[in-house]
Amino acid sequence: TLSSSSAASDVYKRQVRMSDLLQIIVDQAAQAKPKPVVVPEWKTTVYFLPLTPAERIEIRRGIDPNDQEDLLVSTLQHKARDSEGNRIFDCSVIERAKLMKSIDMEVLQRVLIQAGSSVATDEEDLKND
C-alpha cells in the first residue's frame, strides 16, 4: 500500500546516529537464528550462526591461507553447533588432524556450502577438488 511504502521510505531517510547503529548491529547479532544443515551421513543436523570478523580471524589463525582443506575443517570446528547452540567439535589442532584424516571431503564441502554465508571460505573454494 501507498501509506506503508511511504512509512518505510521515511524510516530509511532518517539519520541513524553511530551509537544507535552499533546497537542495531549488536541486537541483530543477538537475535540471529542458526541455519540448520541436515547431514544424513552423520545422522544429525548441524547448525551454523552467521560468521563474524572475529570468528574468521580465529578460524584462520595458524593456518596457511593457501591450505583450503585445513581452512574448511577449521571452519567446521569453529562454526558447527548442536541444537542447543553448543560447539560440536573441539577447536584443537589434534581434533583438526583427526578430522583431516577422517572426514569425507564431499560431505564437508556440501555441509559448508549449505551453511552459506555462515562459513569462512568462498563457495568457489568449496567446489574446488
C-alpha atoms as a PDB file:
ATOM      1  CA  THR A   1       0.000   0.000   0.000  1.00  0.00           C
ATOM      2  CA  LEU A   2       0.990   3.582  -0.550  1.00  0.00           C
ATOM      3  CA  SER A   3       0.971   4.546   3.131  1.00  0.00           C
ATOM      4  CA  SER A   4       3.145   1.597   4.207  1.00  0.00           C
ATOM      5  CA  SER A   5       5.707   2.237   1.472  1.00  0.00           C
ATOM      6  CA  SER A   6       5.773   5.923   2.417  1.00  0.00           C
ATOM      7  CA  ALA A   7       6.368   4.983   6.062  1.00  0.00           C
ATOM      8  CA  ALA A   8       9.169   2.607   5.061  1.00  0.00           C
ATOM      9  CA  SER A   9      10.729   5.349   2.978  1.00  0.00           C
ATOM     10  CA  ASP A  10      10.657   7.706   5.970  1.00  0.00           C
ATOM     11  CA  VAL A  11      12.483   5.127   8.083  1.00  0.00           C
ATOM     12  CA  TYR A  12      15.325   4.930   5.562  1.00  0.00           C
ATOM     13  CA  LYS A  13      15.518   8.704   5.181  1.00  0.00           C
ATOM     14  CA  ARG A  14      16.176   9.472   8.838  1.00  0.00           C
ATOM     15  CA  GLN A  15      19.738   9.714  10.025  1.00  0.00           C
ATOM     16  CA  VAL A  16      20.916   6.988  12.393  1.00  0.00           C
ATOM     17  CA  ARG A  17      23.476   8.001  14.983  1.00  0.00           C
ATOM     18  CA  MET A  18      26.553   5.764  15.129  1.00  0.00           C
ATOM     19  CA  SER A  19      25.749   4.586  18.670  1.00  0.00           C
ATOM     20  CA  ASP A  20      22.231   3.673  17.515  1.00  0.00           C
ATOM     21  CA  LEU A  21      23.624   1.808  14.525  1.00  0.00           C
ATOM     22  CA  LEU A  22      26.061  -0.112  16.717  1.00  0.00           C
ATOM     23  CA  GLN A  23      23.192  -1.152  18.977  1.00  0.00           C
ATOM     24  CA  ILE A  24      21.146  -2.234  15.961  1.00  0.00           C
ATOM     25  CA  ILE A  25      24.064  -4.410  14.786  1.00  0.00           C
ATOM     26  CA  VAL A  26      24.561  -5.914  18.274  1.00  0.00           C
ATOM     27  CA  ASP A  27      20.816  -6.609  18.629  1.00  0.00           C
ATOM     28  CA  GLN A  28      20.637  -8.180  15.169  1.00  0.00           C
ATOM     29  CA  ALA A  29      23.552 -10.494  16.006  1.00  0.00           C
ATOM     30  CA  ALA A  30      21.929 -11.494  19.314  1.00  0.00           C
ATOM     31  CA  GLN A  31      18.692 -12.370  17.506  1.00  0.00           C
ATOM     32  CA  ALA A  32      20.309 -14.296  14.646  1.00  0.00           C
ATOM     33  CA  LYS A  33      18.765 -17.705  14.098  1.00  0.00           C
ATOM     34  CA  PRO A  34      21.078 -20.635  13.394  1.00  0.00           C
ATOM     35  CA  LYS A  35      20.850 -22.171   9.939  1.00  0.00           C
ATOM     36  CA  PRO A  36      20.183 -25.914  10.127  1.00  0.00           C
ATOM     37  CA  VAL A  37      22.041 -28.261   7.774  1.00  0.00           C
ATOM     38  CA  VAL A  38      20.835 -31.864   7.706  1.00  0.00           C
ATOM     39  CA  VAL A  39      23.745 -34.299   7.368  1.00  0.00           C
ATOM     40  CA  PRO A  40      22.366 -37.816   6.784  1.00  0.00           C
ATOM     41  CA  GLU A  41      25.863 -39.370   6.756  1.00  0.00           C
ATOM     42  CA  TRP A  42      26.390 -38.123  10.322  1.00  0.00           C
ATOM     43  CA  LYS A  43      22.785 -38.903  11.385  1.00  0.00           C
ATOM     44  CA  THR A  44      22.339 -35.359  12.681  1.00  0.00           C
ATOM     45  CA  THR A  45      21.527 -31.763  11.902  1.00  0.00           C
ATOM     46  CA  VAL A  46      24.330 -29.234  12.319  1.00  0.00           C
ATOM     47  CA  TYR A  47      23.550 -25.567  12.997  1.00  0.00           C
ATOM     48  CA  PHE A  48      25.508 -22.507  11.863  1.00  0.00           C
ATOM     49  CA  LEU A  49      25.242 -18.896  13.015  1.00  0.00           C
ATOM     50  CA  PRO A  50      26.437 -16.060  10.768  1.00  0.00           C
ATOM     51  CA  LEU A  51      30.197 -15.596  10.636  1.00  0.00           C
ATOM     52  CA  THR A  52      31.701 -12.592  12.417  1.00  0.00           C
ATOM     53  CA  PRO A  53      35.042 -10.991  11.511  1.00  0.00           C
ATOM     54  CA  ALA A  54      36.460 -12.121  14.877  1.00  0.00           C
ATOM     55  CA  GLU A  55      35.466 -15.726  14.136  1.00  0.00           C
ATOM     56  CA  ARG A  56      37.001 -15.527  10.677  1.00  0.00           C
ATOM     57  CA  ILE A  57      40.307 -14.430  12.228  1.00  0.00           C
ATOM     58  CA  GLU A  58      40.155 -17.256  14.779  1.00  0.00           C
ATOM     59  CA  ILE A  59      39.338 -19.861  12.101  1.00  0.00           C
ATOM     60  CA  ARG A  60      42.337 -18.782  10.023  1.00  0.00           C
ATOM     61  CA  ARG A  61      44.804 -18.388  12.918  1.00  0.00           C
ATOM     62  CA  GLY A  62      47.870 -20.588  12.451  1.00  0.00           C
ATOM     63  CA  ILE A  63      46.726 -21.971   9.079  1.00  0.00           C
ATOM     64  CA  ASP A  64      48.459 -21.417   5.749  1.00  0.00           C
ATOM     65  CA  PRO A  65      45.997 -19.265   3.752  1.00  0.00           C
ATOM     66  CA  ASN A  66      46.621 -21.497   0.720  1.00  0.00           C
ATOM     67  CA  ASP A  67      45.642 -24.666   2.604  1.00  0.00           C
ATOM     68  CA  GLN A  68      41.940 -24.745   1.708  1.00  0.00           C
ATOM     69  CA  GLU A  69      41.333 -28.157   3.244  1.00  0.00           C
ATOM     70  CA  ASP A  70      42.689 -27.088   6.625  1.00  0.00           C
ATOM     71  CA  LEU A  71      40.598 -23.900   6.449  1.00  0.00           C
ATOM     72  CA  LEU A  72      37.447 -25.877   5.661  1.00  0.00           C
ATOM     73  CA  VAL A  73      37.969 -28.244   8.584  1.00  0.00           C
ATOM     74  CA  SER A  74      38.799 -25.340  10.909  1.00  0.00           C
ATOM     75  CA  THR A  75      35.611 -23.618   9.772  1.00  0.00           C
ATOM     76  CA  LEU A  76      33.582 -26.705  10.638  1.00  0.00           C
ATOM     77  CA  GLN A  77      35.275 -26.976  14.037  1.00  0.00           C
ATOM     78  CA  HIS A  78      34.565 -23.354  14.918  1.00  0.00           C
ATOM     79  CA  LYS A  79      31.105 -22.895  13.440  1.00  0.00           C
ATOM     80  CA  ALA A  80      29.236 -26.239  13.775  1.00  0.00           C
ATOM     81  CA  ARG A  81      26.768 -26.253  16.673  1.00  0.00           C
ATOM     82  CA  ASP A  82      24.219 -28.681  18.049  1.00  0.00           C
ATOM     83  CA  SER A  83      20.533 -27.836  18.519  1.00  0.00           C
ATOM     84  CA  GLU A  84      21.314 -26.257  21.914  1.00  0.00           C
ATOM     85  CA  GLY A  85      23.942 -23.950  20.398  1.00  0.00           C
ATOM     86  CA  ASN A  86      26.927 -25.823  21.828  1.00  0.00           C
ATOM     87  CA  ARG A  87      30.041 -26.304  19.746  1.00  0.00           C
ATOM     88  CA  ILE A  88      30.127 -29.834  18.306  1.00  0.00           C
ATOM     89  CA  PHE A  89      33.886 -30.067  17.808  1.00  0.00           C
ATOM     90  CA  ASP A  90      36.841 -29.111  19.934  1.00  0.00           C
ATOM     91  CA  CYS A  91      38.905 -26.459  18.114  1.00  0.00           C
ATOM     92  CA  SER A  92      42.254 -28.034  18.936  1.00  0.00           C
ATOM     93  CA  VAL A  93      44.938 -28.852  16.399  1.00  0.00           C
ATOM     94  CA  ILE A  94      44.723 -32.506  17.488  1.00  0.00           C
ATOM     95  CA  GLU A  95      41.000 -32.674  16.729  1.00  0.00           C
ATOM     96  CA  ARG A  96      41.556 -30.898  13.393  1.00  0.00           C
ATOM     97  CA  ALA A  97      44.206 -33.506  12.490  1.00  0.00           C
ATOM     98  CA  LYS A  98      41.743 -36.317  13.313  1.00  0.00           C
ATOM     99  CA  LEU A  99      39.064 -34.680  11.168  1.00  0.00           C
ATOM    100  CA  MET A 100      41.536 -34.091   8.325  1.00  0.00           C
ATOM    101  CA  LYS A 101      42.307 -37.824   8.242  1.00  0.00           C
ATOM    102  CA  SER A 102      38.707 -38.988   8.593  1.00  0.00           C
ATOM    103  CA  ILE A 103      36.140 -36.605   7.149  1.00  0.00           C
ATOM    104  CA  ASP A 104      34.650 -37.238   3.716  1.00  0.00           C
ATOM    105  CA  MET A 105      35.635 -34.187   1.668  1.00  0.00           C
ATOM    106  CA  GLU A 106      32.419 -34.227  -0.374  1.00  0.00           C
ATOM    107  CA  VAL A 107      30.297 -34.218   2.779  1.00  0.00           C
ATOM    108  CA  LEU A 108      32.377 -31.432   4.313  1.00  0.00           C
ATOM    109  CA  GLN A 109      32.045 -29.293   1.195  1.00  0.00           C
ATOM    110  CA  ARG A 110      28.301 -29.914   0.939  1.00  0.00           C
ATOM    111  CA  VAL A 111      27.728 -29.032   4.614  1.00  0.00           C
ATOM    112  CA  LEU A 112      29.668 -25.786   4.356  1.00  0.00           C
ATOM    113  CA  ILE A 113      28.038 -24.806   1.053  1.00  0.00           C
ATOM    114  CA  GLN A 114      24.605 -25.380   2.595  1.00  0.00           C
ATOM    115  CA  ALA A 115      25.662 -23.311   5.603  1.00  0.00           C
ATOM    116  CA  GLY A 116      26.142 -20.489   3.089  1.00  0.00           C
ATOM    117  CA  SER A 117      27.190 -17.118   4.468  1.00  0.00           C
ATOM    118  CA  SER A 118      27.895 -18.715   7.829  1.00  0.00           C
ATOM    119  CA  VAL A 119      31.249 -20.075   6.686  1.00  0.00           C
ATOM    120  CA  ALA A 120      34.665 -18.526   6.182  1.00  0.00           C
ATOM    121  CA  THR A 121      35.551 -19.531   2.649  1.00  0.00           C
ATOM    122  CA  ASP A 122      34.117 -18.628  -0.724  1.00  0.00           C
ATOM    123  CA  GLU A 123      31.729 -21.051  -2.389  1.00  0.00           C
ATOM    124  CA  GLU A 124      34.161 -21.332  -5.325  1.00  0.00           C
ATOM    125  CA  ASP A 125      36.863 -22.571  -2.944  1.00  0.00           C
ATOM    126  CA  LEU A 126      34.433 -25.140  -1.569  1.00  0.00           C
ATOM    127  CA  LYS A 127      33.782 -26.503  -5.058  1.00  0.00           C
ATOM    128  CA  ASN A 128      37.473 -26.939  -5.929  1.00  0.00           C
ATOM    129  CA  ASP A 129      38.751 -30.511  -5.708  1.00  0.00           C
END
